[in-house]
Amino acid sequence: MDKKFDSDFKKRIYYVVLTIIKLADEKKYNFVSEVLLKQLIRSSTSILANFVEGKSASSKKDFINYLHHSLKSTNESKVWISLLKDSDRISTEESNFIQKELKEFSKIFASSLITLKKKS
């Protein structure tokens, strides 16, 4: 990944995570909503944290490991967003942007991992 792409991609992840945080803050809570939203906050913040941590990894192996964790957290976040939408806790409109971005993040992480593993 080149530096310009890394910076833009990090900003993009940050914006999606911030959107999720604001979305969660606006919701009325009942037990199920609270559990699902907490899981979504945990998994989505993990995407960003692992990506940022990976950028300062001490080795290529560590970097691959952090990217792999970001990919797994991205996929987990897609599940929580789908459950929130399908249980009518967030609207389709609210979920569309986030789901679209998460799908693209997954593709970027997966493609990067494939490329990095081929070079190893």
PDB file of N, CA and C in Angstrom:
ATOM      1  N   MET A   1       0.847  -1.182   0.000  1.00  0.00           N
ATOM      2  CA  MET A   1       0.000   0.000   0.000  1.00  0.00           C
ATOM      3  C   MET A   1       0.892   1.245   0.000  1.00  0.00           C
ATOM      4  N   ASP A   2       0.577   2.199  -0.873  1.00  0.00           N
ATOM      5  CA  ASP A   2       1.398   3.401  -0.865  1.00  0.00           C
ATOM      6  C   ASP A   2       0.900   4.380   0.205  1.00  0.00           C
ATOM      7  N   LYS A   3       1.745   5.364   0.522  1.00  0.00           N
ATOM      8  CA  LYS A   3       1.463   6.263   1.649  1.00  0.00           C
ATOM      9  C   LYS A   3       0.193   7.090   1.441  1.00  0.00           C
ATOM     10  N   LYS A   4      -0.026   7.584   0.232  1.00  0.00           N
ATOM     11  CA  LYS A   4      -1.230   8.387  -0.053  1.00  0.00           C
ATOM     12  C   LYS A   4      -2.473   7.523   0.121  1.00  0.00           C
ATOM     13  N   PHE A   5      -2.427   6.317  -0.432  1.00  0.00           N
ATOM     14  CA  PHE A   5      -3.559   5.410  -0.285  1.00  0.00           C
ATOM     15  C   PHE A   5      -3.793   5.086   1.189  1.00  0.00           C
ATOM     16  N   ASP A   6      -2.712   4.789   1.922  1.00  0.00           N
ATOM     17  CA  ASP A   6      -2.821   4.473   3.346  1.00  0.00           C
ATOM     18  C   ASP A   6      -3.511   5.592   4.115  1.00  0.00           C
ATOM     19  N   SER A   7      -3.085   6.816   3.848  1.00  0.00           N
ATOM     20  CA  SER A   7      -3.649   7.969   4.543  1.00  0.00           C
ATOM     21  C   SER A   7      -5.132   8.145   4.211  1.00  0.00           C
ATOM     22  N   ASP A   8      -5.459   8.061   2.932  1.00  0.00           N
ATOM     23  CA  ASP A   8      -6.856   8.203   2.510  1.00  0.00           C
ATOM     24  C   ASP A   8      -7.718   7.059   3.053  1.00  0.00           C
ATOM     25  N   PHE A   9      -7.170   5.860   3.017  1.00  0.00           N
ATOM     26  CA  PHE A   9      -7.908   4.688   3.504  1.00  0.00           C
ATOM     27  C   PHE A   9      -8.144   4.783   5.008  1.00  0.00           C
ATOM     28  N   LYS A  10      -7.133   5.215   5.746  1.00  0.00           N
ATOM     29  CA  LYS A  10      -7.280   5.395   7.193  1.00  0.00           C
ATOM     30  C   LYS A  10      -8.364   6.425   7.497  1.00  0.00           C
ATOM     31  N   LYS A  11      -8.367   7.521   6.755  1.00  0.00           N
ATOM     32  CA  LYS A  11      -9.397   8.562   6.940  1.00  0.00           C
ATOM     33  C   LYS A  11     -10.788   7.998   6.640  1.00  0.00           C
ATOM     34  N   ARG A  12     -10.866   7.181   5.639  1.00  0.00           N
ATOM     35  CA  ARG A  12     -12.137   6.567   5.254  1.00  0.00           C
ATOM     36  C   ARG A  12     -12.651   5.628   6.349  1.00  0.00           C
ATOM     37  N   ILE A  13     -11.760   4.803   6.877  1.00  0.00           N
ATOM     38  CA  ILE A  13     -12.135   3.910   7.980  1.00  0.00           C
ATOM     39  C   ILE A  13     -12.566   4.745   9.181  1.00  0.00           C
ATOM     40  N   TYR A  14     -11.786   5.771   9.495  1.00  0.00           N
ATOM     41  CA  TYR A  14     -12.084   6.636  10.636  1.00  0.00           C
ATOM     42  C   TYR A  14     -13.482   7.243  10.492  1.00  0.00           C
ATOM     43  N   TYR A  15     -13.808   7.728   9.295  1.00  0.00           N
ATOM     44  CA  TYR A  15     -15.124   8.339   9.062  1.00  0.00           C
ATOM     45  C   TYR A  15     -16.255   7.330   9.275  1.00  0.00           C
ATOM     46  N   VAL A  16     -16.085   6.117   8.798  1.00  0.00           N
ATOM     47  CA  VAL A  16     -17.122   5.088   8.973  1.00  0.00           C
ATOM     48  C   VAL A  16     -17.284   4.754  10.455  1.00  0.00           C
ATOM     49  N   VAL A  17     -16.179   4.606  11.165  1.00  0.00           N
ATOM     50  CA  VAL A  17     -16.250   4.306  12.602  1.00  0.00           C
ATOM     51  C   VAL A  17     -16.944   5.457  13.339  1.00  0.00           C
ATOM     52  N   LEU A  18     -16.594   6.680  12.993  1.00  0.00           N
ATOM     53  CA  LEU A  18     -17.230   7.843  13.605  1.00  0.00           C
ATOM     54  C   LEU A  18     -18.735   7.872  13.302  1.00  0.00           C
ATOM     55  N   THR A  19     -19.106   7.524  12.093  1.00  0.00           N
ATOM     56  CA  THR A  19     -20.514   7.437  11.713  1.00  0.00           C
ATOM     57  C   THR A  19     -21.241   6.400  12.571  1.00  0.00           C
ATOM     58  N   ILE A  20     -20.608   5.265  12.788  1.00  0.00           N
ATOM     59  CA  ILE A  20     -21.196   4.209  13.619  1.00  0.00           C
ATOM     60  C   ILE A  20     -21.354   4.681  15.062  1.00  0.00           C
ATOM     61  N   ILE A  21     -20.348   5.352  15.585  1.00  0.00           N
ATOM     62  CA  ILE A  21     -20.424   5.865  16.961  1.00  0.00           C
ATOM     63  C   ILE A  21     -21.591   6.843  17.099  1.00  0.00           C
ATOM     64  N   LYS A  22     -21.709   7.760  16.151  1.00  0.00           N
ATOM     65  CA  LYS A  22     -22.802   8.745  16.194  1.00  0.00           C
ATOM     66  C   LYS A  22     -24.157   8.056  16.044  1.00  0.00           C
ATOM     67  N   LEU A  23     -24.244   7.072  15.171  1.00  0.00           N
ATOM     68  CA  LEU A  23     -25.473   6.313  14.980  1.00  0.00           C
ATOM     69  C   LEU A  23     -25.879   5.630  16.280  1.00  0.00           C
ATOM     70  N   ALA A  24     -24.929   4.994  16.935  1.00  0.00           N
ATOM     71  CA  ALA A  24     -25.204   4.299  18.196  1.00  0.00           C
ATOM     72  C   ALA A  24     -25.644   5.281  19.273  1.00  0.00           C
ATOM     73  N   ASP A  25     -25.046   6.447  19.281  1.00  0.00           N
ATOM     74  CA  ASP A  25     -25.394   7.466  20.279  1.00  0.00           C
ATOM     75  C   ASP A  25     -26.823   7.980  20.126  1.00  0.00           C
ATOM     76  N   GLU A  26     -27.332   7.962  18.906  1.00  0.00           N
ATOM     77  CA  GLU A  26     -28.668   8.495  18.619  1.00  0.00           C
ATOM     78  C   GLU A  26     -29.795   7.509  18.927  1.00  0.00           C
ATOM     79  N   LYS A  27     -29.473   6.246  19.099  1.00  0.00           N
ATOM     80  CA  LYS A  27     -30.495   5.218  19.228  1.00  0.00           C
ATOM     81  C   LYS A  27     -31.057   5.129  20.638  1.00  0.00           C
ATOM     82  N   LYS A  28     -32.340   4.777  20.691  1.00  0.00           N
ATOM     83  CA  LYS A  28     -32.972   4.461  21.967  1.00  0.00           C
ATOM     84  C   LYS A  28     -32.616   3.023  22.290  1.00  0.00           C
ATOM     85  N   TYR A  29     -32.246   2.817  23.525  1.00  0.00           N
ATOM     86  CA  TYR A  29     -31.743   1.504  23.901  1.00  0.00           C
ATOM     87  C   TYR A  29     -32.790   0.643  24.584  1.00  0.00           C
ATOM     88  N   ASN A  30     -32.804  -0.600  24.178  1.00  0.00           N
ATOM     89  CA  ASN A  30     -33.416  -1.664  24.956  1.00  0.00           C
ATOM     90  C   ASN A  30     -32.298  -2.703  25.052  1.00  0.00           C
ATOM     91  N   PHE A  31     -32.540  -3.792  25.692  1.00  0.00           N
ATOM     92  CA  PHE A  31     -31.482  -4.768  25.935  1.00  0.00           C
ATOM     93  C   PHE A  31     -30.824  -5.243  24.639  1.00  0.00           C
ATOM     94  N   VAL A  32     -31.623  -5.656  23.663  1.00  0.00           N
ATOM     95  CA  VAL A  32     -31.073  -6.206  22.422  1.00  0.00           C
ATOM     96  C   VAL A  32     -30.316  -5.138  21.643  1.00  0.00           C
ATOM     97  N   SER A  33     -30.892  -3.964  21.510  1.00  0.00           N
ATOM     98  CA  SER A  33     -30.212  -2.880  20.789  1.00  0.00           C
ATOM     99  C   SER A  33     -28.868  -2.568  21.425  1.00  0.00           C
ATOM    100  N   GLU A  34     -28.846  -2.517  22.736  1.00  0.00           N
ATOM    101  CA  GLU A  34     -27.606  -2.204  23.441  1.00  0.00           C
ATOM    102  C   GLU A  34     -26.525  -3.256  23.171  1.00  0.00           C
ATOM    103  N   VAL A  35     -26.904  -4.514  23.226  1.00  0.00           N
ATOM    104  CA  VAL A  35     -25.933  -5.586  22.977  1.00  0.00           C
ATOM    105  C   VAL A  35     -25.402  -5.504  21.550  1.00  0.00           C
ATOM    106  N   LEU A  36     -26.290  -5.380  20.577  1.00  0.00           N
ATOM    107  CA  LEU A  36     -25.869  -5.335  19.176  1.00  0.00           C
ATOM    108  C   LEU A  36     -25.007  -4.110  18.877  1.00  0.00           C
ATOM    109  N   LEU A  37     -25.405  -2.962  19.411  1.00  0.00           N
ATOM    110  CA  LEU A  37     -24.641  -1.744  19.162  1.00  0.00           C
ATOM    111  C   LEU A  37     -23.273  -1.785  19.842  1.00  0.00           C
ATOM    112  N   LYS A  38     -23.205  -2.361  21.038  1.00  0.00           N
ATOM    113  CA  LYS A  38     -21.901  -2.499  21.703  1.00  0.00           C
ATOM    114  C   LYS A  38     -20.975  -3.402  20.889  1.00  0.00           C
ATOM    115  N   GLN A  39     -21.512  -4.483  20.367  1.00  0.00           N
ATOM    116  CA  GLN A  39     -20.708  -5.390  19.546  1.00  0.00           C
ATOM    117  C   GLN A  39     -20.225  -4.674  18.286  1.00  0.00           C
ATOM    118  N   LEU A  40     -21.107  -3.891  17.673  1.00  0.00           N
ATOM    119  CA  LEU A  40     -20.745  -3.143  16.473  1.00  0.00           C
ATOM    120  C   LEU A  40     -19.656  -2.115  16.773  1.00  0.00           C
ATOM    121  N   ILE A  41     -19.783  -1.409  17.885  1.00  0.00           N
ATOM    122  CA  ILE A  41     -18.757  -0.431  18.274  1.00  0.00           C
ATOM    123  C   ILE A  41     -17.415  -1.137  18.471  1.00  0.00           C
ATOM    124  N   ARG A  42     -17.427  -2.261  19.166  1.00  0.00           N
ATOM    125  CA  ARG A  42     -16.181  -3.000  19.417  1.00  0.00           C
ATOM    126  C   ARG A  42     -15.525  -3.463  18.105  1.00  0.00           C
ATOM    127  N   SER A  43     -16.329  -4.080  17.247  1.00  0.00           N
ATOM    128  CA  SER A  43     -15.742  -4.620  16.015  1.00  0.00           C
ATOM    129  C   SER A  43     -15.300  -3.512  15.057  1.00  0.00           C
ATOM    130  N   SER A  44     -16.082  -2.444  14.949  1.00  0.00           N
ATOM    131  CA  SER A  44     -15.715  -1.382  14.003  1.00  0.00           C
ATOM    132  C   SER A  44     -14.496  -0.594  14.479  1.00  0.00           C
ATOM    133  N   THR A  45     -14.403  -0.331  15.772  1.00  0.00           N
ATOM    134  CA  THR A  45     -13.211   0.369  16.270  1.00  0.00           C
ATOM    135  C   THR A  45     -11.978  -0.514  16.131  1.00  0.00           C
ATOM    136  N   SER A  46     -12.172  -1.819  16.189  1.00  0.00           N
ATOM    137  CA  SER A  46     -11.072  -2.759  16.006  1.00  0.00           C
ATOM    138  C   SER A  46     -10.514  -2.705  14.580  1.00  0.00           C
ATOM    139  N   ILE A  47     -11.359  -2.433  13.610  1.00  0.00           N
ATOM    140  CA  ILE A  47     -10.897  -2.296  12.221  1.00  0.00           C
ATOM    141  C   ILE A  47      -9.840  -1.202  12.163  1.00  0.00           C
ATOM    142  N   LEU A  48     -10.202  -0.050  12.689  1.00  0.00           N
ATOM    143  CA  LEU A  48      -9.317   1.108  12.656  1.00  0.00           C
ATOM    144  C   LEU A  48      -8.067   0.879  13.504  1.00  0.00           C
ATOM    145  N   ALA A  49      -8.255   0.402  14.720  1.00  0.00           N
ATOM    146  CA  ALA A  49      -7.120   0.217  15.630  1.00  0.00           C
ATOM    147  C   ALA A  49      -6.095  -0.758  15.057  1.00  0.00           C
ATOM    148  N   ASN A  50      -6.549  -1.863  14.516  1.00  0.00           N
ATOM    149  CA  ASN A  50      -5.622  -2.845  13.957  1.00  0.00           C
ATOM    150  C   ASN A  50      -4.932  -2.328  12.696  1.00  0.00           C
ATOM    151  N   PHE A  51      -5.644  -1.576  11.884  1.00  0.00           N
ATOM    152  CA  PHE A  51      -5.028  -0.997  10.692  1.00  0.00           C
ATOM    153  C   PHE A  51      -3.927  -0.019  11.089  1.00  0.00           C
ATOM    154  N   VAL A  52      -4.232   0.871  12.034  1.00  0.00           N
ATOM    155  CA  VAL A  52      -3.245   1.851  12.488  1.00  0.00           C
ATOM    156  C   VAL A  52      -2.052   1.146  13.141  1.00  0.00           C
ATOM    157  N   GLU A  53      -2.324   0.183  13.983  1.00  0.00           N
ATOM    158  CA  GLU A  53      -1.257  -0.564  14.652  1.00  0.00           C
ATOM    159  C   GLU A  53      -0.393  -1.309  13.628  1.00  0.00           C
ATOM    160  N   GLY A  54      -1.033  -1.863  12.621  1.00  0.00           N
ATOM    161  CA  GLY A  54      -0.299  -2.587  11.585  1.00  0.00           C
ATOM    162  C   GLY A  54       0.662  -1.705  10.820  1.00  0.00           C
ATOM    163  N   LYS A  55       0.319  -0.447  10.652  1.00  0.00           N
ATOM    164  CA  LYS A  55       1.190   0.470   9.913  1.00  0.00           C
ATOM    165  C   LYS A  55       2.519   0.669  10.624  1.00  0.00           C
ATOM    166  N   SER A  56       2.565   0.422  11.933  1.00  0.00           N
ATOM    167  CA  SER A  56       3.834   0.559  12.655  1.00  0.00           C
ATOM    168  C   SER A  56       4.352  -0.802  13.129  1.00  0.00           C
ATOM    169  N   ALA A  57       3.905  -1.850  12.470  1.00  0.00           N
ATOM    170  CA  ALA A  57       4.344  -3.201  12.832  1.00  0.00           C
ATOM    171  C   ALA A  57       5.843  -3.345  12.650  1.00  0.00           C
ATOM    172  N   SER A  58       6.419  -4.194  13.463  1.00  0.00           N
ATOM    173  CA  SER A  58       7.875  -4.367  13.431  1.00  0.00           C
ATOM    174  C   SER A  58       8.353  -5.323  12.336  1.00  0.00           C
ATOM    175  N   SER A  59       7.426  -6.047  11.743  1.00  0.00           N
ATOM    176  CA  SER A  59       7.807  -6.977  10.678  1.00  0.00           C
ATOM    177  C   SER A  59       6.652  -7.143   9.698  1.00  0.00           C
ATOM    178  N   LYS A  60       6.984  -7.724   8.559  1.00  0.00           N
ATOM    179  CA  LYS A  60       5.951  -8.001   7.553  1.00  0.00           C
ATOM    180  C   LYS A  60       4.921  -8.989   8.106  1.00  0.00           C
ATOM    181  N   LYS A  61       5.406  -9.967   8.873  1.00  0.00           N
ATOM    182  CA  LYS A  61       4.509 -10.957   9.470  1.00  0.00           C
ATOM    183  C   LYS A  61       3.522 -10.282  10.426  1.00  0.00           C
ATOM    184  N   ASP A  62       4.009  -9.362  11.254  1.00  0.00           N
ATOM    185  CA  ASP A  62       3.122  -8.623  12.158  1.00  0.00           C
ATOM    186  C   ASP A  62       2.110  -7.794  11.375  1.00  0.00           C
ATOM    187  N   PHE A  63       2.590  -7.124  10.314  1.00  0.00           N
ATOM    188  CA  PHE A  63       1.706  -6.307   9.481  1.00  0.00           C
ATOM    189  C   PHE A  63       0.591  -7.160   8.900  1.00  0.00           C
ATOM    190  N   ILE A  64       0.938  -8.322   8.375  1.00  0.00           N
ATOM    191  CA  ILE A  64      -0.061  -9.243   7.817  1.00  0.00           C
ATOM    192  C   ILE A  64      -1.059  -9.646   8.902  1.00  0.00           C
ATOM    193  N   ASN A  65      -0.563  -9.918  10.088  1.00  0.00           N
ATOM    194  CA  ASN A  65      -1.428 -10.307  11.202  1.00  0.00           C
ATOM    195  C   ASN A  65      -2.428  -9.195  11.550  1.00  0.00           C
ATOM    196  N   TYR A  66      -1.954  -7.956  11.622  1.00  0.00           N
ATOM    197  CA  TYR A  66      -2.854  -6.839  11.926  1.00  0.00           C
ATOM    198  C   TYR A  66      -3.895  -6.639  10.825  1.00  0.00           C
ATOM    199  N   LEU A  67      -3.469  -6.748   9.570  1.00  0.00           N
ATOM    200  CA  LEU A  67      -4.430  -6.624   8.464  1.00  0.00           C
ATOM    201  C   LEU A  67      -5.476  -7.732   8.526  1.00  0.00           C
ATOM    202  N   HIS A  68      -5.026  -8.929   8.883  1.00  0.00           N
ATOM    203  CA  HIS A  68      -5.952 -10.052   9.007  1.00  0.00           C
ATOM    204  C   HIS A  68      -6.994  -9.774  10.096  1.00  0.00           C
ATOM    205  N   HIS A  69      -6.551  -9.195  11.200  1.00  0.00           N
ATOM    206  CA  HIS A  69      -7.493  -8.833  12.268  1.00  0.00           C
ATOM    207  C   HIS A  69      -8.469  -7.745  11.803  1.00  0.00           C
ATOM    208  N   SER A  70      -7.970  -6.800  11.028  1.00  0.00           N
ATOM    209  CA  SER A  70      -8.859  -5.766  10.480  1.00  0.00           C
ATOM    210  C   SER A  70      -9.913  -6.384   9.568  1.00  0.00           C
ATOM    211  N   LEU A  71      -9.495  -7.332   8.738  1.00  0.00           N
ATOM    212  CA  LEU A  71     -10.435  -8.017   7.853  1.00  0.00           C
ATOM    213  C   LEU A  71     -11.499  -8.758   8.665  1.00  0.00           C
ATOM    214  N   LYS A  72     -11.072  -9.486   9.678  1.00  0.00           N
ATOM    215  CA  LYS A  72     -12.027 -10.228  10.507  1.00  0.00           C
ATOM    216  C   LYS A  72     -13.003  -9.285  11.221  1.00  0.00           C
ATOM    217  N   SER A  73     -12.506  -8.169  11.712  1.00  0.00           N
ATOM    218  CA  SER A  73     -13.372  -7.199  12.381  1.00  0.00           C
ATOM    219  C   SER A  73     -14.334  -6.543  11.403  1.00  0.00           C
ATOM    220  N   THR A  74     -13.873  -6.328  10.167  1.00  0.00           N
ATOM    221  CA  THR A  74     -14.751  -5.778   9.131  1.00  0.00           C
ATOM    222  C   THR A  74     -15.898  -6.741   8.848  1.00  0.00           C
ATOM    223  N   ASN A  75     -15.576  -8.013   8.692  1.00  0.00           N
ATOM    224  CA  ASN A  75     -16.617  -9.008   8.432  1.00  0.00           C
ATOM    225  C   ASN A  75     -17.579  -9.138   9.610  1.00  0.00           C
ATOM    226  N   GLU A  76     -17.047  -9.071  10.815  1.00  0.00           N
ATOM    227  CA  GLU A  76     -17.912  -9.123  11.994  1.00  0.00           C
ATOM    228  C   GLU A  76     -18.844  -7.912  12.029  1.00  0.00           C
ATOM    229  N   SER A  77     -18.324  -6.742  11.711  1.00  0.00           N
ATOM    230  CA  SER A  77     -19.149  -5.525  11.711  1.00  0.00           C
ATOM    231  C   SER A  77     -20.304  -5.632  10.722  1.00  0.00           C
ATOM    232  N   LYS A  78     -20.058  -6.280   9.586  1.00  0.00           N
ATOM    233  CA  LYS A  78     -21.134  -6.475   8.600  1.00  0.00           C
ATOM    234  C   LYS A  78     -22.285  -7.291   9.192  1.00  0.00           C
ATOM    235  N   VAL A  79     -21.951  -8.262  10.014  1.00  0.00           N
ATOM    236  CA  VAL A  79     -22.985  -9.084  10.664  1.00  0.00           C
ATOM    237  C   VAL A  79     -23.825  -8.232  11.596  1.00  0.00           C
ATOM    238  N   TRP A  80     -23.166  -7.416  12.441  1.00  0.00           N
ATOM    239  CA  TRP A  80     -23.918  -6.601  13.407  1.00  0.00           C
ATOM    240  C   TRP A  80     -24.799  -5.578  12.709  1.00  0.00           C
ATOM    241  N   ILE A  81     -24.295  -4.959  11.654  1.00  0.00           N
ATOM    242  CA  ILE A  81     -25.108  -3.993  10.895  1.00  0.00           C
ATOM    243  C   ILE A  81     -26.319  -4.693  10.286  1.00  0.00           C
ATOM    244  N   SER A  82     -26.116  -5.865   9.724  1.00  0.00           N
ATOM    245  CA  SER A  82     -27.236  -6.611   9.134  1.00  0.00           C
ATOM    246  C   SER A  82     -28.276  -6.969  10.182  1.00  0.00           C
ATOM    247  N   LEU A  83     -27.833  -7.422  11.336  1.00  0.00           N
ATOM    248  CA  LEU A  83     -28.778  -7.764  12.410  1.00  0.00           C
ATOM    249  C   LEU A  83     -29.548  -6.534  12.897  1.00  0.00           C
ATOM    250  N   LEU A  84     -28.860  -5.429  13.021  1.00  0.00           N
ATOM    251  CA  LEU A  84     -29.542  -4.194  13.444  1.00  0.00           C
ATOM    252  C   LEU A  84     -30.581  -3.760  12.412  1.00  0.00           C
ATOM    253  N   LYS A  85     -30.215  -3.852  11.135  1.00  0.00           N
ATOM    254  CA  LYS A  85     -31.155  -3.460  10.072  1.00  0.00           C
ATOM    255  C   LYS A  85     -32.331  -4.437   9.998  1.00  0.00           C
ATOM    256  N   ASP A  86     -32.032  -5.728   9.981  1.00  0.00           N
ATOM    257  CA  ASP A  86     -33.084  -6.732   9.799  1.00  0.00           C
ATOM    258  C   ASP A  86     -34.006  -6.862  11.010  1.00  0.00           C
ATOM    259  N   SER A  87     -33.553  -6.386  12.161  1.00  0.00           N
ATOM    260  CA  SER A  87     -34.414  -6.388  13.351  1.00  0.00           C
ATOM    261  C   SER A  87     -35.063  -5.009  13.562  1.00  0.00           C
ATOM    262  N   ASP A  88     -34.984  -4.175  12.534  1.00  0.00           N
ATOM    263  CA  ASP A  88     -35.609  -2.851  12.520  1.00  0.00           C
ATOM    264  C   ASP A  88     -35.112  -1.921  13.624  1.00  0.00           C
ATOM    265  N   ARG A  89     -33.845  -2.060  13.972  1.00  0.00           N
ATOM    266  CA  ARG A  89     -33.253  -1.167  14.967  1.00  0.00           C
ATOM    267  C   ARG A  89     -32.535   0.009  14.311  1.00  0.00           C
ATOM    268  N   ILE A  90     -32.144  -0.169  13.036  1.00  0.00           N
ATOM    269  CA  ILE A  90     -31.662   0.939  12.216  1.00  0.00           C
ATOM    270  C   ILE A  90     -32.328   0.808  10.852  1.00  0.00           C
ATOM    271  N   SER A  91     -32.398   1.923  10.160  1.00  0.00           N
ATOM    272  CA  SER A  91     -33.074   1.921   8.860  1.00  0.00           C
ATOM    273  C   SER A  91     -32.153   1.382   7.768  1.00  0.00           C
ATOM    274  N   THR A  92     -32.771   1.023   6.664  1.00  0.00           N
ATOM    275  CA  THR A  92     -32.015   0.588   5.493  1.00  0.00           C
ATOM    276  C   THR A  92     -31.081   1.704   5.043  1.00  0.00           C
ATOM    277  N   GLU A  93     -31.576   2.935   5.078  1.00  0.00           N
ATOM    278  CA  GLU A  93     -30.755   4.075   4.683  1.00  0.00           C
ATOM    279  C   GLU A  93     -29.529   4.197   5.585  1.00  0.00           C
ATOM    280  N   GLU A  94     -29.721   4.009   6.883  1.00  0.00           N
ATOM    281  CA  GLU A  94     -28.603   4.102   7.813  1.00  0.00           C
ATOM    282  C   GLU A  94     -27.578   2.994   7.564  1.00  0.00           C
ATOM    283  N   SER A  95     -28.066   1.832   7.213  1.00  0.00           N
ATOM    284  CA  SER A  95     -27.147   0.706   7.032  1.00  0.00           C
ATOM    285  C   SER A  95     -26.467   0.681   5.664  1.00  0.00           C
ATOM    286  N   ASN A  96     -27.104   1.242   4.645  1.00  0.00           N
ATOM    287  CA  ASN A  96     -26.572   1.136   3.276  1.00  0.00           C
ATOM    288  C   ASN A  96     -25.158   1.671   3.130  1.00  0.00           C
ATOM    289  N   PHE A  97     -24.920   2.893   3.599  1.00  0.00           N
ATOM    290  CA  PHE A  97     -23.600   3.499   3.471  1.00  0.00           C
ATOM    291  C   PHE A  97     -22.559   2.660   4.217  1.00  0.00           C
ATOM    292  N   ILE A  98     -22.885   2.286   5.431  1.00  0.00           N
ATOM    293  CA  ILE A  98     -21.938   1.527   6.255  1.00  0.00           C
ATOM    294  C   ILE A  98     -21.654   0.170   5.619  1.00  0.00           C
ATOM    295  N   GLN A  99     -22.689  -0.531   5.190  1.00  0.00           N
ATOM    296  CA  GLN A  99     -22.479  -1.842   4.552  1.00  0.00           C
ATOM    297  C   GLN A  99     -21.632  -1.724   3.286  1.00  0.00           C
ATOM    298  N   LYS A 100     -21.911  -0.712   2.489  1.00  0.00           N
ATOM    299  CA  LYS A 100     -21.146  -0.506   1.251  1.00  0.00           C
ATOM    300  C   LYS A 100     -19.667  -0.300   1.577  1.00  0.00           C
ATOM    301  N   GLU A 101     -19.390   0.544   2.533  1.00  0.00           N
ATOM    302  CA  GLU A 101     -18.004   0.803   2.919  1.00  0.00           C
ATOM    303  C   GLU A 101     -17.346  -0.451   3.500  1.00  0.00           C
ATOM    304  N   LEU A 102     -18.059  -1.172   4.350  1.00  0.00           N
ATOM    305  CA  LEU A 102     -17.489  -2.382   4.948  1.00  0.00           C
ATOM    306  C   LEU A 102     -17.164  -3.428   3.884  1.00  0.00           C
ATOM    307  N   LYS A 103     -18.018  -3.555   2.875  1.00  0.00           N
ATOM    308  CA  LYS A 103     -17.743  -4.490   1.779  1.00  0.00           C
ATOM    309  C   LYS A 103     -16.474  -4.093   1.038  1.00  0.00           C
ATOM    310  N   GLU A 104     -16.320  -2.802   0.796  1.00  0.00           N
ATOM    311  CA  GLU A 104     -15.112  -2.338   0.106  1.00  0.00           C
ATOM    312  C   GLU A 104     -13.875  -2.525   0.977  1.00  0.00           C
ATOM    313  N   PHE A 105     -13.999  -2.277   2.284  1.00  0.00           N
ATOM    314  CA  PHE A 105     -12.873  -2.502   3.199  1.00  0.00           C
ATOM    315  C   PHE A 105     -12.450  -3.970   3.149  1.00  0.00           C
ATOM    316  N   SER A 106     -13.428  -4.858   3.161  1.00  0.00           N
ATOM    317  CA  SER A 106     -13.120  -6.294   3.104  1.00  0.00           C
ATOM    318  C   SER A 106     -12.331  -6.631   1.846  1.00  0.00           C
ATOM    319  N   LYS A 107     -12.757  -6.098   0.726  1.00  0.00           N
ATOM    320  CA  LYS A 107     -12.064  -6.356  -0.540  1.00  0.00           C
ATOM    321  C   LYS A 107     -10.639  -5.820  -0.507  1.00  0.00           C
ATOM    322  N   ILE A 108     -10.469  -4.636   0.040  1.00  0.00           N
ATOM    323  CA  ILE A 108      -9.131  -4.033   0.104  1.00  0.00           C
ATOM    324  C   ILE A 108      -8.226  -4.846   1.025  1.00  0.00           C
ATOM    325  N   PHE A 109      -8.734  -5.192   2.211  1.00  0.00           N
ATOM    326  CA  PHE A 109      -7.920  -5.991   3.134  1.00  0.00           C
ATOM    327  C   PHE A 109      -7.580  -7.357   2.539  1.00  0.00           C
ATOM    328  N   ALA A 110      -8.567  -8.011   1.956  1.00  0.00           N
ATOM    329  CA  ALA A 110      -8.336  -9.348   1.384  1.00  0.00           C
ATOM    330  C   ALA A 110      -7.328  -9.284   0.238  1.00  0.00           C
ATOM    331  N   SER A 111      -7.489  -8.321  -0.639  1.00  0.00           N
ATOM    332  CA  SER A 111      -6.572  -8.164  -1.765  1.00  0.00           C
ATOM    333  C   SER A 111      -5.151  -7.868  -1.274  1.00  0.00           C
ATOM    334  N   SER A 112      -5.037  -7.008  -0.280  1.00  0.00           N
ATOM    335  CA  SER A 112      -3.724  -6.666   0.286  1.00  0.00           C
ATOM    336  C   SER A 112      -3.082  -7.893   0.911  1.00  0.00           C
ATOM    337  N   LEU A 113      -3.872  -8.671   1.623  1.00  0.00           N
ATOM    338  CA  LEU A 113      -3.336  -9.881   2.263  1.00  0.00           C
ATOM    339  C   LEU A 113      -2.856 -10.894   1.228  1.00  0.00           C
ATOM    340  N   ILE A 114      -3.614 -11.068   0.174  1.00  0.00           N
ATOM    341  CA  ILE A 114      -3.218 -12.001  -0.888  1.00  0.00           C
ATOM    342  C   ILE A 114      -1.894 -11.545  -1.506  1.00  0.00           C
ATOM    343  N   THR A 115      -1.800 -10.262  -1.807  1.00  0.00           N
ATOM    344  CA  THR A 115      -0.573  -9.726  -2.396  1.00  0.00           C
ATOM    345  C   THR A 115       0.610  -9.869  -1.453  1.00  0.00           C
ATOM    346  N   LEU A 116       0.413  -9.528  -0.192  1.00  0.00           N
ATOM    347  CA  LEU A 116       1.512  -9.624   0.784  1.00  0.00           C
ATOM    348  C   LEU A 116       1.961 -11.074   0.999  1.00  0.00           C
ATOM    349  N   LYS A 117       1.019 -11.985   1.028  1.00  0.00           N
ATOM    350  CA  LYS A 117       1.372 -13.396   1.248  1.00  0.00           C
ATOM    351  C   LYS A 117       2.104 -13.970   0.044  1.00  0.00           C
ATOM    352  N   LYS A 118       1.769 -13.502  -1.162  1.00  0.00           N
ATOM    353  CA  LYS A 118       2.469 -13.967  -2.364  1.00  0.00           C
ATOM    354  C   LYS A 118       3.923 -13.501  -2.347  1.00  0.00           C
ATOM    355  N   LYS A 119       4.155 -12.328  -1.789  1.00  0.00           N
ATOM    356  CA  LYS A 119       5.495 -11.766  -1.749  1.00  0.00           C
ATOM    357  C   LYS A 119       6.345 -12.366  -0.626  1.00  0.00           C
ATOM    358  N   SER A 120       5.710 -13.086   0.283  1.00  0.00           N
ATOM    359  CA  SER A 120       6.446 -13.653   1.421  1.00  0.00           C
ATOM    360  C   SER A 120       7.227 -14.885   1.047  1.00  0.00           C
TER     361      SER A 120
END
